[in-house]
Amino acid sequence: EDPIAYVTRLAREKAEAVFRELTAAGSQ
């Protein structure tokens, strides 16, 4: 994996993971 592809993938995956967590049904 190219370094730029690596850090942009991780940044996106981090943001998407937390977005899914916070928008899950019943999130306080």
PDB file of all heavy atoms in Angstrom:
ATOM      1  N   GLU A   1       0.821  -1.202   0.000  1.00  0.00           N
ATOM      2  CA  GLU A   1       0.000   0.000   0.000  1.00  0.00           C
ATOM      3  C   GLU A   1       0.864   1.264   0.000  1.00  0.00           C
ATOM      4  O   GLU A   1       1.785   1.411   0.791  1.00  0.00           O
ATOM      5  CB  GLU A   1      -0.923   0.002   1.221  1.00  0.00           C
ATOM      6  CG  GLU A   1      -1.991   1.074   1.194  1.00  0.00           C
ATOM      7  CD  GLU A   1      -3.034   0.880   2.278  1.00  0.00           C
ATOM      8  OE1 GLU A   1      -2.702   0.318   3.348  1.00  0.00           O
ATOM      9  OE2 GLU A   1      -4.190   1.276   2.067  1.00  0.00           O
ATOM     10  N   ASP A   2       0.551   2.182  -0.889  1.00  0.00           N
ATOM     11  CA  ASP A   2       1.228   3.473  -0.968  1.00  0.00           C
ATOM     12  C   ASP A   2       0.944   4.276   0.305  1.00  0.00           C
ATOM     13  O   ASP A   2      -0.172   4.222   0.835  1.00  0.00           O
ATOM     14  CB  ASP A   2       0.701   4.219  -2.203  1.00  0.00           C
ATOM     15  CG  ASP A   2       1.207   5.643  -2.275  1.00  0.00           C
ATOM     16  OD1 ASP A   2       2.332   5.832  -2.764  1.00  0.00           O
ATOM     17  OD2 ASP A   2       0.483   6.554  -1.830  1.00  0.00           O
ATOM     18  N   PRO A   3       1.944   5.029   0.807  1.00  0.00           N
ATOM     19  CA  PRO A   3       1.727   5.771   2.062  1.00  0.00           C
ATOM     20  C   PRO A   3       0.535   6.725   2.036  1.00  0.00           C
ATOM     21  O   PRO A   3      -0.194   6.828   3.033  1.00  0.00           O
ATOM     22  CB  PRO A   3       3.044   6.534   2.242  1.00  0.00           C
ATOM     23  CG  PRO A   3       4.059   5.693   1.554  1.00  0.00           C
ATOM     24  CD  PRO A   3       3.348   5.110   0.371  1.00  0.00           C
ATOM     25  N   ILE A   4       0.317   7.441   0.929  1.00  0.00           N
ATOM     26  CA  ILE A   4      -0.826   8.363   0.870  1.00  0.00           C
ATOM     27  C   ILE A   4      -2.134   7.579   0.873  1.00  0.00           C
ATOM     28  O   ILE A   4      -3.089   7.926   1.577  1.00  0.00           O
ATOM     29  CB  ILE A   4      -0.723   9.301  -0.345  1.00  0.00           C
ATOM     30  CG1 ILE A   4       0.439  10.294  -0.133  1.00  0.00           C
ATOM     31  CG2 ILE A   4      -2.035  10.058  -0.571  1.00  0.00           C
ATOM     32  CD1 ILE A   4       0.660  11.262  -1.270  1.00  0.00           C
ATOM     33  N   ALA A   5      -2.171   6.486   0.118  1.00  0.00           N
ATOM     34  CA  ALA A   5      -3.371   5.641   0.116  1.00  0.00           C
ATOM     35  C   ALA A   5      -3.624   5.069   1.505  1.00  0.00           C
ATOM     36  O   ALA A   5      -4.777   4.972   1.954  1.00  0.00           O
ATOM     37  CB  ALA A   5      -3.215   4.517  -0.902  1.00  0.00           C
ATOM     38  N   TYR A   6      -2.550   4.731   2.194  1.00  0.00           N
ATOM     39  CA  TYR A   6      -2.654   4.148   3.543  1.00  0.00           C
ATOM     40  C   TYR A   6      -3.286   5.130   4.527  1.00  0.00           C
ATOM     41  O   TYR A   6      -4.265   4.803   5.208  1.00  0.00           O
ATOM     42  CB  TYR A   6      -1.249   3.735   4.000  1.00  0.00           C
ATOM     43  CG  TYR A   6      -1.104   3.410   5.455  1.00  0.00           C
ATOM     44  CD1 TYR A   6      -1.763   2.323   6.025  1.00  0.00           C
ATOM     45  CD2 TYR A   6      -0.267   4.173   6.274  1.00  0.00           C
ATOM     46  CE1 TYR A   6      -1.606   2.016   7.374  1.00  0.00           C
ATOM     47  CE2 TYR A   6      -0.102   3.868   7.619  1.00  0.00           C
ATOM     48  CZ  TYR A   6      -0.776   2.793   8.164  1.00  0.00           C
ATOM     49  OH  TYR A   6      -0.624   2.495   9.492  1.00  0.00           O
ATOM     50  N   VAL A   7      -2.757   6.356   4.609  1.00  0.00           N
ATOM     51  CA  VAL A   7      -3.279   7.294   5.608  1.00  0.00           C
ATOM     52  C   VAL A   7      -4.675   7.800   5.247  1.00  0.00           C
ATOM     53  O   VAL A   7      -5.496   8.033   6.144  1.00  0.00           O
ATOM     54  CB  VAL A   7      -2.321   8.480   5.866  1.00  0.00           C
ATOM     55  CG1 VAL A   7      -1.059   8.004   6.547  1.00  0.00           C
ATOM     56  CG2 VAL A   7      -2.008   9.257   4.603  1.00  0.00           C
ATOM     57  N   THR A   8      -4.967   7.962   3.966  1.00  0.00           N
ATOM     58  CA  THR A   8      -6.318   8.414   3.608  1.00  0.00           C
ATOM     59  C   THR A   8      -7.342   7.303   3.851  1.00  0.00           C
ATOM     60  O   THR A   8      -8.467   7.569   4.282  1.00  0.00           O
ATOM     61  CB  THR A   8      -6.384   8.906   2.149  1.00  0.00           C
ATOM     62  OG1 THR A   8      -5.853   7.919   1.270  1.00  0.00           O
ATOM     63  CG2 THR A   8      -5.605  10.199   1.974  1.00  0.00           C
ATOM     64  N   ARG A   9      -6.945   6.054   3.611  1.00  0.00           N
ATOM     65  CA  ARG A   9      -7.847   4.932   3.903  1.00  0.00           C
ATOM     66  C   ARG A   9      -8.144   4.864   5.394  1.00  0.00           C
ATOM     67  O   ARG A   9      -9.306   4.721   5.808  1.00  0.00           O
ATOM     68  CB  ARG A   9      -7.227   3.614   3.424  1.00  0.00           C
ATOM     69  CG  ARG A   9      -8.062   2.381   3.825  1.00  0.00           C
ATOM     70  CD  ARG A   9      -7.445   1.086   3.332  1.00  0.00           C
ATOM     71  NE  ARG A   9      -6.133   0.792   3.887  1.00  0.00           N
ATOM     72  CZ  ARG A   9      -5.930   0.247   5.094  1.00  0.00           C
ATOM     73  NH1 ARG A   9      -6.960  -0.045   5.886  1.00  0.00           N
ATOM     74  NH2 ARG A   9      -4.704  -0.013   5.510  1.00  0.00           N
ATOM     75  N   LEU A  10      -7.094   4.966   6.233  1.00  0.00           N
ATOM     76  CA  LEU A  10      -7.317   4.895   7.671  1.00  0.00           C
ATOM     77  C   LEU A  10      -8.159   6.059   8.183  1.00  0.00           C
ATOM     78  O   LEU A  10      -9.032   5.871   9.033  1.00  0.00           O
ATOM     79  CB  LEU A  10      -5.981   4.862   8.418  1.00  0.00           C
ATOM     80  CG  LEU A  10      -5.206   3.547   8.390  1.00  0.00           C
ATOM     81  CD1 LEU A  10      -4.022   3.618   9.340  1.00  0.00           C
ATOM     82  CD2 LEU A  10      -6.080   2.356   8.735  1.00  0.00           C
ATOM     83  N   ALA A  11      -7.897   7.259   7.672  1.00  0.00           N
ATOM     84  CA  ALA A  11      -8.694   8.421   8.090  1.00  0.00           C
ATOM     85  C   ALA A  11     -10.168   8.197   7.769  1.00  0.00           C
ATOM     86  O   ALA A  11     -11.055   8.451   8.599  1.00  0.00           O
ATOM     87  CB  ALA A  11      -8.182   9.680   7.401  1.00  0.00           C
ATOM     88  N   ARG A  12     -10.437   7.708   6.553  1.00  0.00           N
ATOM     89  CA  ARG A  12     -11.823   7.448   6.147  1.00  0.00           C
ATOM     90  C   ARG A  12     -12.450   6.343   6.989  1.00  0.00           C
ATOM     91  O   ARG A  12     -13.590   6.466   7.463  1.00  0.00           O
ATOM     92  CB  ARG A  12     -11.868   7.058   4.661  1.00  0.00           C
ATOM     93  CG  ARG A  12     -13.293   6.937   4.107  1.00  0.00           C
ATOM     94  CD  ARG A  12     -13.316   6.309   2.730  1.00  0.00           C
ATOM     95  NE  ARG A  12     -13.040   4.885   2.823  1.00  0.00           N
ATOM     96  CZ  ARG A  12     -11.962   4.273   2.344  1.00  0.00           C
ATOM     97  NH1 ARG A  12     -11.016   4.963   1.737  1.00  0.00           N
ATOM     98  NH2 ARG A  12     -11.811   2.971   2.476  1.00  0.00           N
ATOM     99  N   GLU A  13     -11.699   5.254   7.206  1.00  0.00           N
ATOM    100  CA  GLU A  13     -12.245   4.137   7.983  1.00  0.00           C
ATOM    101  C   GLU A  13     -12.540   4.542   9.424  1.00  0.00           C
ATOM    102  O   GLU A  13     -13.541   4.112  10.008  1.00  0.00           O
ATOM    103  CB  GLU A  13     -11.282   2.945   7.944  1.00  0.00           C
ATOM    104  CG  GLU A  13     -11.246   2.258   6.582  1.00  0.00           C
ATOM    105  CD  GLU A  13     -10.296   1.067   6.551  1.00  0.00           C
ATOM    106  OE1 GLU A  13      -9.628   0.789   7.577  1.00  0.00           O
ATOM    107  OE2 GLU A  13     -10.212   0.409   5.494  1.00  0.00           O
ATOM    108  N   LYS A  14     -11.681   5.353  10.023  1.00  0.00           N
ATOM    109  CA  LYS A  14     -11.919   5.838  11.387  1.00  0.00           C
ATOM    110  C   LYS A  14     -13.203   6.664  11.445  1.00  0.00           C
ATOM    111  O   LYS A  14     -14.055   6.464  12.320  1.00  0.00           O
ATOM    112  CB  LYS A  14     -10.741   6.681  11.870  1.00  0.00           C
ATOM    113  CG  LYS A  14      -9.476   5.910  12.163  1.00  0.00           C
ATOM    114  CD  LYS A  14      -8.346   6.863  12.546  1.00  0.00           C
ATOM    115  CE  LYS A  14      -7.036   6.141  12.807  1.00  0.00           C
ATOM    116  NZ  LYS A  14      -5.951   7.066  13.169  1.00  0.00           N
ATOM    117  N   ALA A  15     -13.319   7.616  10.524  1.00  0.00           N
ATOM    118  CA  ALA A  15     -14.494   8.497  10.523  1.00  0.00           C
ATOM    119  C   ALA A  15     -15.769   7.710  10.247  1.00  0.00           C
ATOM    120  O   ALA A  15     -16.799   7.921  10.904  1.00  0.00           O
ATOM    121  CB  ALA A  15     -14.307   9.610   9.501  1.00  0.00           C
ATOM    122  N   GLU A  16     -15.710   6.786   9.290  1.00  0.00           N
ATOM    123  CA  GLU A  16     -16.908   6.006   8.952  1.00  0.00           C
ATOM    124  C   GLU A  16     -17.312   5.076  10.091  1.00  0.00           C
ATOM    125  O   GLU A  16     -18.506   4.902  10.367  1.00  0.00           O
ATOM    126  CB  GLU A  16     -16.659   5.207   7.672  1.00  0.00           C
ATOM    127  CG  GLU A  16     -16.612   6.064   6.423  1.00  0.00           C
ATOM    128  CD  GLU A  16     -16.274   5.296   5.168  1.00  0.00           C
ATOM    129  OE1 GLU A  16     -15.689   4.188   5.262  1.00  0.00           O
ATOM    130  OE2 GLU A  16     -16.586   5.796   4.073  1.00  0.00           O
ATOM    131  N   ALA A  17     -16.323   4.489  10.774  1.00  0.00           N
ATOM    132  CA  ALA A  17     -16.633   3.578  11.881  1.00  0.00           C
ATOM    133  C   ALA A  17     -17.361   4.308  13.007  1.00  0.00           C
ATOM    134  O   ALA A  17     -18.366   3.820  13.538  1.00  0.00           O
ATOM    135  CB  ALA A  17     -15.345   2.943  12.410  1.00  0.00           C
ATOM    136  N   VAL A  18     -16.880   5.491  13.361  1.00  0.00           N
ATOM    137  CA  VAL A  18     -17.515   6.245  14.438  1.00  0.00           C
ATOM    138  C   VAL A  18     -18.862   6.808  13.975  1.00  0.00           C
ATOM    139  O   VAL A  18     -19.825   6.858  14.755  1.00  0.00           O
ATOM    140  CB  VAL A  18     -16.590   7.357  14.967  1.00  0.00           C
ATOM    141  CG1 VAL A  18     -17.290   8.193  16.034  1.00  0.00           C
ATOM    142  CG2 VAL A  18     -15.314   6.744  15.542  1.00  0.00           C
ATOM    143  N   PHE A  19     -18.959   7.216  12.709  1.00  0.00           N
ATOM    144  CA  PHE A  19     -20.242   7.694  12.192  1.00  0.00           C
ATOM    145  C   PHE A  19     -21.300   6.598  12.319  1.00  0.00           C
ATOM    146  O   PHE A  19     -22.421   6.853  12.787  1.00  0.00           O
ATOM    147  CB  PHE A  19     -20.101   8.131  10.726  1.00  0.00           C
ATOM    148  CG  PHE A  19     -21.334   8.787  10.173  1.00  0.00           C
ATOM    149  CD1 PHE A  19     -21.522  10.156  10.304  1.00  0.00           C
ATOM    150  CD2 PHE A  19     -22.318   8.045   9.545  1.00  0.00           C
ATOM    151  CE1 PHE A  19     -22.667  10.773   9.810  1.00  0.00           C
ATOM    152  CE2 PHE A  19     -23.460   8.642   9.043  1.00  0.00           C
ATOM    153  CZ  PHE A  19     -23.633  10.015   9.174  1.00  0.00           C
ATOM    154  N   ARG A  20     -20.935   5.371  11.916  1.00  0.00           N
ATOM    155  CA  ARG A  20     -21.887   4.258  12.028  1.00  0.00           C
ATOM    156  C   ARG A  20     -22.279   4.018  13.481  1.00  0.00           C
ATOM    157  O   ARG A  20     -23.443   3.784  13.801  1.00  0.00           O
ATOM    158  CB  ARG A  20     -21.279   2.975  11.440  1.00  0.00           C
ATOM    159  CG  ARG A  20     -21.266   2.934   9.929  1.00  0.00           C
ATOM    160  CD  ARG A  20     -20.936   1.547   9.395  1.00  0.00           C
ATOM    161  NE  ARG A  20     -19.649   1.057   9.873  1.00  0.00           N
ATOM    162  CZ  ARG A  20     -18.497   1.264   9.239  1.00  0.00           C
ATOM    163  NH1 ARG A  20     -18.473   1.964   8.122  1.00  0.00           N
ATOM    164  NH2 ARG A  20     -17.361   0.775   9.737  1.00  0.00           N
ATOM    165  N   GLU A  21     -21.280   4.089  14.370  1.00  0.00           N
ATOM    166  CA  GLU A  21     -21.536   3.861  15.793  1.00  0.00           C
ATOM    167  C   GLU A  21     -22.500   4.899  16.359  1.00  0.00           C
ATOM    168  O   GLU A  21     -23.441   4.571  17.094  1.00  0.00           O
ATOM    169  CB  GLU A  21     -20.203   3.915  16.535  1.00  0.00           C
ATOM    170  CG  GLU A  21     -20.216   3.286  17.897  1.00  0.00           C
ATOM    171  CD  GLU A  21     -18.827   3.273  18.526  1.00  0.00           C
ATOM    172  OE1 GLU A  21     -17.834   3.112  17.795  1.00  0.00           O
ATOM    173  OE2 GLU A  21     -18.768   3.454  19.753  1.00  0.00           O
ATOM    174  N   LEU A  22     -22.272   6.156  16.016  1.00  0.00           N
ATOM    175  CA  LEU A  22     -23.087   7.237  16.587  1.00  0.00           C
ATOM    176  C   LEU A  22     -24.480   7.328  15.972  1.00  0.00           C
ATOM    177  O   LEU A  22     -25.399   7.846  16.600  1.00  0.00           O
ATOM    178  CB  LEU A  22     -22.366   8.579  16.438  1.00  0.00           C
ATOM    179  CG  LEU A  22     -21.075   8.743  17.244  1.00  0.00           C
ATOM    180  CD1 LEU A  22     -20.499  10.132  17.050  1.00  0.00           C
ATOM    181  CD2 LEU A  22     -21.310   8.458  18.726  1.00  0.00           C
ATOM    182  N   THR A  23     -24.610   6.839  14.749  1.00  0.00           N
ATOM    183  CA  THR A  23     -25.922   6.920  14.106  1.00  0.00           C
ATOM    184  C   THR A  23     -26.721   5.630  14.264  1.00  0.00           C
ATOM    185  O   THR A  23     -27.833   5.522  13.769  1.00  0.00           O
ATOM    186  CB  THR A  23     -25.788   7.250  12.600  1.00  0.00           C
ATOM    187  OG1 THR A  23     -24.909   6.303  11.981  1.00  0.00           O
ATOM    188  CG2 THR A  23     -25.253   8.658  12.408  1.00  0.00           C
ATOM    189  N   ALA A  24     -26.148   4.649  14.966  1.00  0.00           N
ATOM    190  CA  ALA A  24     -26.874   3.403  15.221  1.00  0.00           C
ATOM    191  C   ALA A  24     -28.111   3.705  16.065  1.00  0.00           C
ATOM    192  O   ALA A  24     -28.139   4.644  16.851  1.00  0.00           O
ATOM    193  CB  ALA A  24     -25.976   2.406  15.951  1.00  0.00           C
ATOM    194  N   ALA A  25     -29.112   2.891  15.894  1.00  0.00           N
ATOM    195  CA  ALA A  25     -30.365   3.089  16.635  1.00  0.00           C
ATOM    196  C   ALA A  25     -30.098   3.130  18.133  1.00  0.00           C
ATOM    197  O   ALA A  25     -29.370   2.298  18.673  1.00  0.00           O
ATOM    198  CB  ALA A  25     -31.334   1.954  16.319  1.00  0.00           C
ATOM    199  N   GLY A  26     -30.649   4.128  18.771  1.00  0.00           N
ATOM    200  CA  GLY A  26     -30.559   4.226  20.219  1.00  0.00           C
ATOM    201  C   GLY A  26     -29.322   4.913  20.743  1.00  0.00           C
ATOM    202  O   GLY A  26     -29.119   4.950  21.945  1.00  0.00           O
ATOM    203  N   SER A  27     -28.475   5.455  19.843  1.00  0.00           N
ATOM    204  CA  SER A  27     -27.277   6.140  20.332  1.00  0.00           C
ATOM    205  C   SER A  27     -27.671   7.363  21.156  1.00  0.00           C
ATOM    206  O   SER A  27     -28.444   8.205  20.720  1.00  0.00           O
ATOM    207  CB  SER A  27     -26.395   6.586  19.157  1.00  0.00           C
ATOM    208  OG  SER A  27     -25.360   7.416  19.628  1.00  0.00           O
ATOM    209  N   GLN A  28     -27.134   7.450  22.362  1.00  0.00           N
ATOM    210  CA  GLN A  28     -27.450   8.570  23.254  1.00  0.00           C
ATOM    211  C   GLN A  28     -26.598   9.803  22.955  1.00  0.00           C
ATOM    212  O   GLN A  28     -26.935  10.909  23.355  1.00  0.00           O
ATOM    213  CB  GLN A  28     -27.233   8.157  24.710  1.00  0.00           C
ATOM    214  CG  GLN A  28     -28.171   7.046  25.168  1.00  0.00           C
ATOM    215  CD  GLN A  28     -29.628   7.408  25.005  1.00  0.00           C
ATOM    216  OE1 GLN A  28     -30.077   8.435  25.518  1.00  0.00           O
ATOM    217  NE2 GLN A  28     -30.382   6.599  24.281  1.00  0.00           N
TER     218      GLN A  28
END
